[in-house]
C-alpha atoms as a PDB file:
ATOM      1  CA  MET A   1     -75.217 -27.867-213.137  1.00  0.00           C
ATOM      2  CA  ASP A   2     -72.409 -30.168-212.026  1.00  0.00           C
ATOM      3  CA  GLU A   3     -73.935 -33.126-213.820  1.00  0.00           C
ATOM      4  CA  GLU A   4     -74.022 -31.111-217.009  1.00  0.00           C
ATOM      5  CA  ILE A   5     -70.111 -30.183-216.359  1.00  0.00           C
ATOM      6  CA  GLU A   6     -69.734 -33.762-215.823  1.00  0.00           C
ATOM      7  CA  GLU A   7     -71.214 -34.935-219.050  1.00  0.00           C
ATOM      8  CA  TYR A   8     -69.422 -32.431-221.321  1.00  0.00           C
ATOM      9  CA  LEU A   9     -66.173 -33.468-219.897  1.00  0.00           C
ATOM     10  CA  LYS A  10     -66.841 -37.175-220.313  1.00  0.00           C
ATOM     11  CA  THR A  11     -68.408 -36.929-223.881  1.00  0.00           C
ATOM     12  CA  GLY A  12     -68.316 -33.490-225.276  1.00  0.00           C
ATOM     13  CA  LYS A  13     -71.844 -33.188-225.702  1.00  0.00           C
ATOM     14  CA  GLY A  14     -73.557 -30.244-224.215  1.00  0.00           C
ATOM     15  CA  HIS A  15     -72.330 -26.668-223.206  1.00  0.00           C
ATOM     16  CA  ASN A  16     -69.031 -26.036-221.873  1.00  0.00           C
ATOM     17  CA  TRP A  17     -70.189 -24.768-218.274  1.00  0.00           C
ATOM     18  CA  VAL A  18     -67.711 -23.691-215.979  1.00  0.00           C
ATOM     19  CA  SER A  19     -68.702 -23.867-211.993  1.00  0.00           C
ATOM     20  CA  PHE A  20     -69.058 -20.312-210.105  1.00  0.00           C
ATOM     21  CA  SER A  21     -66.195 -19.425-208.082  1.00  0.00           C
ATOM     22  CA  ILE A  22     -66.683 -17.771-204.765  1.00  0.00           C
ATOM     23  CA  TYR A  23     -63.966 -15.400-204.160  1.00  0.00           C
ATOM     24  CA  ASP A  24     -61.907 -15.502-200.244  1.00  0.00           C
ATOM     25  CA  LEU A  25     -63.509 -12.425-198.334  1.00  0.00           C
ATOM     26  CA  GLU A  26     -59.984 -12.119-196.800  1.00  0.00           C
ATOM     27  CA  THR A  27     -58.825 -10.920-199.975  1.00  0.00           C
ATOM     28  CA  GLN A  28     -61.381  -8.663-201.475  1.00  0.00           C
ATOM     29  CA  THR A  29     -60.638  -4.935-202.325  1.00  0.00           C
ATOM     30  CA  VAL A  30     -63.635  -3.446-201.120  1.00  0.00           C
ATOM     31  CA  SER A  31     -64.672  -3.795-197.491  1.00  0.00           C
ATOM     32  CA  ASP A  32     -68.336  -3.849-197.172  1.00  0.00           C
ATOM     33  CA  VAL A  33     -68.810  -6.707-199.698  1.00  0.00           C
ATOM     34  CA  ILE A  34     -70.436 -10.184-198.258  1.00  0.00           C
ATOM     35  CA  PHE A  35     -70.380 -12.217-201.338  1.00  0.00           C
ATOM     36  CA  GLU A  36     -68.244 -12.133-204.452  1.00  0.00           C
ATOM     37  CA  GLY A  37     -67.645 -14.667-207.386  1.00  0.00           C
ATOM     38  CA  SER A  38     -67.383 -15.181-210.703  1.00  0.00           C
ATOM     39  CA  THR A  39     -67.894 -17.989-213.814  1.00  0.00           C
ATOM     40  CA  GLU A  40     -67.254 -18.316-217.508  1.00  0.00           C
ATOM     41  CA  LEU A  41     -70.195 -18.275-219.777  1.00  0.00           C
ATOM     42  CA  PRO A  42     -70.185 -21.606-222.462  1.00  0.00           C
ATOM     43  CA  VAL A  43     -68.931 -20.464-225.753  1.00  0.00           C
ATOM     44  CA  ASN A  44     -69.055 -23.649-227.416  1.00  0.00           C
ATOM     45  CA  SER A  45     -72.473 -23.530-229.540  1.00  0.00           C
ATOM     46  CA  LYS A  46     -74.519 -20.493-231.515  1.00  0.00           C
ATOM     47  CA  TYR A  47     -76.611 -20.579-228.293  1.00  0.00           C
ATOM     48  CA  ALA A  48     -74.272 -21.215-225.701  1.00  0.00           C
ATOM     49  CA  ILE A  49     -73.749 -17.815-224.607  1.00  0.00           C
ATOM     50  CA  PHE A  50     -77.089 -17.143-224.383  1.00  0.00           C
ATOM     51  CA  ASP A  51     -78.327 -19.838-222.569  1.00  0.00           C
ATOM     52  CA  GLY A  52     -75.405 -19.167-220.014  1.00  0.00           C
ATOM     53  CA  LEU A  53     -76.372 -15.800-219.424  1.00  0.00           C
ATOM     54  CA  GLU A  54     -80.140 -16.815-219.109  1.00  0.00           C
ATOM     55  CA  HIS A  55     -79.499 -19.507-216.438  1.00  0.00           C
ATOM     56  CA  TRP A  56     -76.775 -17.163-214.371  1.00  0.00           C
ATOM     57  CA  ALA A  57     -79.634 -14.153-214.626  1.00  0.00           C
ATOM     58  CA  SER A  58     -82.450 -16.572-213.447  1.00  0.00           C
ATOM     59  CA  LEU A  59     -80.401 -17.844-210.620  1.00  0.00           C
ATOM     60  CA  LEU A  60     -79.169 -14.417-209.405  1.00  0.00           C
ATOM     61  CA  THR A  61     -82.261 -12.932-209.505  1.00  0.00           C
ATOM     62  CA  GLY A  62     -83.736 -15.802-207.262  1.00  0.00           C
ATOM     63  CA  ILE A  63     -80.653 -14.961-204.788  1.00  0.00           C
ATOM     64  CA  ARG A  64     -81.457 -11.117-204.850  1.00  0.00           C
ATOM     65  CA  ASN A  65     -85.073 -11.270-204.249  1.00  0.00           C
ATOM     66  CA  VAL A  66     -84.034 -13.165-201.088  1.00  0.00           C
ATOM     67  CA  LEU A  67     -81.389 -10.544-200.130  1.00  0.00           C
ATOM     68  CA  GLU A  68     -83.492  -7.600-200.433  1.00  0.00           C
ATOM     69  CA  ASP A  69     -81.642  -5.264-198.730  1.00  0.00           C
ATOM     70  CA  ALA A  70     -78.113  -5.826-200.499  1.00  0.00           C
ATOM     71  CA  GLU A  71     -76.696  -3.536-203.206  1.00  0.00           C
ATOM     72  CA  TRP A  72     -75.809  -5.593-206.186  1.00  0.00           C
ATOM     73  CA  HIS A  73     -73.151  -5.336-209.087  1.00  0.00           C
ATOM     74  CA  VAL A  74     -73.729  -7.920-211.583  1.00  0.00           C
ATOM     75  CA  HIS A  75     -71.727  -7.556-215.030  1.00  0.00           C
ATOM     76  CA  VAL A  76     -70.604  -9.700-218.166  1.00  0.00           C
ATOM     77  CA  ASP A  77     -67.136  -8.373-218.891  1.00  0.00           C
ATOM     78  CA  ASP A  78     -67.496  -4.735-219.290  1.00  0.00           C
ATOM     79  CA  HIS A  79     -71.573  -4.823-219.484  1.00  0.00           C
ATOM     80  CA  ASP A  80     -73.643  -4.361-216.241  1.00  0.00           C
ATOM     81  CA  LEU A  81     -76.572  -6.696-216.289  1.00  0.00           C
ATOM     82  CA  VAL A  82     -80.119  -4.155-215.807  1.00  0.00           C
ATOM     83  CA  TRP A  83     -82.341  -4.994-213.035  1.00  0.00           C
ATOM     84  CA  ASP A  84     -85.997  -4.325-213.831  1.00  0.00           C
ATOM     85  CA  GLU A  85     -87.847  -2.918-210.545  1.00  0.00           C
ATOM     86  CA  GLU A  86     -91.045  -3.607-211.679  1.00  0.00           C
ATOM     87  CA  ASN A  87     -90.409  -7.439-212.647  1.00  0.00           C
ATOM     88  CA  LEU A  88     -87.891  -8.015-209.918  1.00  0.00           C
ATOM     89  CA  GLU A  89     -85.567  -9.668-212.335  1.00  0.00           C
ATOM     90  CA  TYR A  90     -82.575  -8.906-214.384  1.00  0.00           C
ATOM     91  CA  ASP A  91     -83.297  -7.893-218.007  1.00  0.00           C
ATOM     92  CA  ILE A  92     -80.942  -9.442-220.239  1.00  0.00           C
ATOM     93  CA  THR A  93     -82.268  -7.884-223.293  1.00  0.00           C
ATOM     94  CA  LYS A  94     -81.182  -4.503-222.318  1.00  0.00           C
END
């Protein structure tokens, strides 16, 4: 991802990705959070938002499947991503 960000910044080609920001746990608002962060979805082409959503949903699916006992809250703006328990993945179509 970092290479794609650098390529966009140098040439203007590709999606306008933004790195993932991890929040400082010292300033969290909920005491039992073990990991919290955010990013912005790319918006500079017709399919950029979908590509970004697909990328981050896939990445977070992988992490969630490793941390099986954690409670997760994943959302884009005010829309919660739906976890598909049967397929063990975020379903971005819902």
